[in-house]
């Protein structure tokens, strides 16, 4: 998520728990979920990291 986009280390570290939760709950590959999140961030759909808390 850091290598191919404008996400900072802090943003990536904040989003990793959500990425892992989504990957485990859907049975998806965590790399695929992380790439999807990075793509949506790069596209500008959401610059705000959201949590389910």
N, C-alpha and C. Protein backbone atom coordinates (compact mmCIF):
# COMPACT_ATOMS: atom_id res chain seq x y z
N UNK A 1 0.83 -1.18 0.00
CA UNK A 1 0.00 0.00 0.00
C UNK A 1 0.87 1.25 0.00
N UNK A 2 2.07 1.14 0.54
CA UNK A 2 2.97 2.30 0.57
C UNK A 2 3.71 2.44 -0.75
N UNK A 3 4.11 1.33 -1.35
CA UNK A 3 4.97 1.39 -2.53
C UNK A 3 4.33 2.02 -3.74
N UNK A 4 3.05 1.80 -3.95
CA UNK A 4 2.41 2.22 -5.19
C UNK A 4 1.39 3.34 -5.03
N UNK A 5 1.48 4.09 -3.96
CA UNK A 5 0.49 5.13 -3.77
C UNK A 5 0.93 6.20 -2.79
N UNK A 6 0.06 7.16 -2.61
CA UNK A 6 0.40 8.28 -1.74
C UNK A 6 0.09 8.06 -0.26
N UNK A 7 -0.22 6.83 0.13
CA UNK A 7 -0.54 6.57 1.53
C UNK A 7 0.72 6.68 2.39
N UNK A 8 0.59 7.30 3.53
CA UNK A 8 1.71 7.42 4.45
C UNK A 8 1.80 6.15 5.31
N UNK A 9 2.92 6.02 6.00
CA UNK A 9 3.10 4.86 6.87
C UNK A 9 2.02 4.84 7.95
N UNK A 10 1.70 5.99 8.50
CA UNK A 10 0.67 6.07 9.54
C UNK A 10 -0.69 5.63 9.00
N UNK A 11 -1.04 6.07 7.79
CA UNK A 11 -2.33 5.68 7.20
C UNK A 11 -2.38 4.17 6.94
N UNK A 12 -1.28 3.62 6.50
CA UNK A 12 -1.23 2.17 6.25
C UNK A 12 -1.37 1.40 7.55
N UNK A 13 -0.65 1.83 8.58
CA UNK A 13 -0.73 1.13 9.87
C UNK A 13 -2.12 1.23 10.48
N UNK A 14 -2.82 2.34 10.25
CA UNK A 14 -4.18 2.49 10.76
C UNK A 14 -5.16 1.61 9.99
N UNK A 15 -4.89 1.37 8.73
CA UNK A 15 -5.84 0.61 7.91
C UNK A 15 -5.60 -0.89 7.95
N UNK A 16 -4.44 -1.35 8.39
CA UNK A 16 -4.16 -2.79 8.39
C UNK A 16 -5.12 -3.62 9.21
N UNK A 17 -5.55 -3.18 10.41
CA UNK A 17 -6.54 -4.01 11.13
C UNK A 17 -7.85 -4.18 10.36
N UNK A 18 -8.28 -3.14 9.67
CA UNK A 18 -9.51 -3.22 8.88
C UNK A 18 -9.30 -4.14 7.68
N UNK A 19 -8.14 -4.04 7.05
CA UNK A 19 -7.83 -4.92 5.92
C UNK A 19 -7.86 -6.37 6.36
N UNK A 20 -7.22 -6.67 7.48
CA UNK A 20 -7.18 -8.05 7.96
C UNK A 20 -8.56 -8.55 8.39
N UNK A 21 -9.35 -7.67 9.01
CA UNK A 21 -10.71 -8.05 9.41
C UNK A 21 -11.55 -8.37 8.18
N UNK A 22 -11.46 -7.54 7.15
CA UNK A 22 -12.22 -7.79 5.92
C UNK A 22 -11.75 -9.06 5.23
N UNK A 23 -10.45 -9.28 5.20
CA UNK A 23 -9.91 -10.47 4.54
C UNK A 23 -10.34 -11.74 5.27
N UNK A 24 -10.27 -11.73 6.59
CA UNK A 24 -10.63 -12.94 7.32
C UNK A 24 -12.13 -13.20 7.31
N UNK A 25 -12.93 -12.14 7.33
CA UNK A 25 -14.38 -12.35 7.34
C UNK A 25 -14.92 -12.79 5.99
N UNK A 26 -14.23 -12.45 4.91
CA UNK A 26 -14.70 -12.83 3.58
C UNK A 26 -13.94 -14.01 3.00
N UNK A 27 -12.85 -14.42 3.68
CA UNK A 27 -12.05 -15.52 3.16
C UNK A 27 -11.18 -15.11 1.98
N UNK A 28 -10.94 -13.81 1.85
CA UNK A 28 -10.14 -13.30 0.74
C UNK A 28 -8.67 -13.26 1.09
N UNK A 29 -7.85 -13.11 0.07
CA UNK A 29 -6.42 -12.95 0.25
C UNK A 29 -6.15 -11.56 0.81
N UNK A 30 -5.44 -11.43 1.93
CA UNK A 30 -5.16 -10.11 2.51
C UNK A 30 -4.43 -9.17 1.54
N UNK A 31 -3.57 -9.71 0.69
CA UNK A 31 -2.89 -8.87 -0.30
C UNK A 31 -3.89 -8.26 -1.28
N UNK A 32 -4.88 -9.04 -1.67
CA UNK A 32 -5.89 -8.54 -2.60
C UNK A 32 -6.72 -7.44 -1.95
N UNK A 33 -7.08 -7.62 -0.69
CA UNK A 33 -7.86 -6.61 0.02
C UNK A 33 -7.04 -5.34 0.20
N UNK A 34 -5.76 -5.49 0.54
CA UNK A 34 -4.88 -4.32 0.70
C UNK A 34 -4.72 -3.59 -0.62
N UNK A 35 -4.56 -4.32 -1.71
CA UNK A 35 -4.45 -3.69 -3.03
C UNK A 35 -5.73 -2.96 -3.41
N UNK A 36 -6.86 -3.56 -3.09
CA UNK A 36 -8.14 -2.90 -3.37
C UNK A 36 -8.28 -1.61 -2.58
N UNK A 37 -7.90 -1.65 -1.30
CA UNK A 37 -7.99 -0.45 -0.49
C UNK A 37 -7.04 0.63 -1.01
N UNK A 38 -5.83 0.25 -1.37
CA UNK A 38 -4.87 1.22 -1.91
C UNK A 38 -5.38 1.81 -3.22
N UNK A 39 -6.00 0.99 -4.06
CA UNK A 39 -6.55 1.47 -5.33
C UNK A 39 -7.66 2.48 -5.12
N UNK A 40 -8.56 2.19 -4.18
CA UNK A 40 -9.65 3.13 -3.92
C UNK A 40 -9.11 4.43 -3.32
N UNK A 41 -8.09 4.32 -2.49
CA UNK A 41 -7.46 5.51 -1.92
C UNK A 41 -6.81 6.34 -3.03
N UNK A 42 -6.07 5.68 -3.93
CA UNK A 42 -5.41 6.38 -5.03
C UNK A 42 -6.42 7.01 -5.98
N UNK A 43 -7.56 6.37 -6.15
CA UNK A 43 -8.61 6.88 -7.02
C UNK A 43 -9.31 8.08 -6.41
N UNK A 44 -9.18 8.24 -5.09
CA UNK A 44 -9.78 9.38 -4.42
C UNK A 44 -11.15 9.11 -3.83
N UNK A 45 -11.56 7.86 -3.76
CA UNK A 45 -12.88 7.57 -3.23
C UNK A 45 -12.97 7.85 -1.73
N UNK A 46 -11.90 7.60 -1.02
CA UNK A 46 -11.93 7.85 0.41
C UNK A 46 -10.53 8.17 0.91
N UNK A 47 -10.30 9.38 1.29
CA UNK A 47 -9.02 9.76 1.87
C UNK A 47 -9.05 9.62 3.39
N UNK A 48 -10.21 9.29 3.93
CA UNK A 48 -10.37 9.15 5.37
C UNK A 48 -10.41 7.66 5.70
N UNK A 49 -9.55 7.25 6.63
CA UNK A 49 -9.55 5.88 7.10
C UNK A 49 -10.74 5.70 8.05
N UNK A 50 -11.59 4.75 7.74
CA UNK A 50 -12.77 4.52 8.57
C UNK A 50 -12.63 3.24 9.35
N UNK A 51 -13.18 3.24 10.49
CA UNK A 51 -13.13 2.07 11.35
C UNK A 51 -14.54 1.71 11.77
N UNK A 52 -14.75 0.48 12.18
CA UNK A 52 -16.07 0.04 12.61
C UNK A 52 -16.32 0.27 14.09
N UNK A 53 -15.45 0.98 14.74
CA UNK A 53 -15.61 1.23 16.18
C UNK A 53 -16.70 2.20 16.46
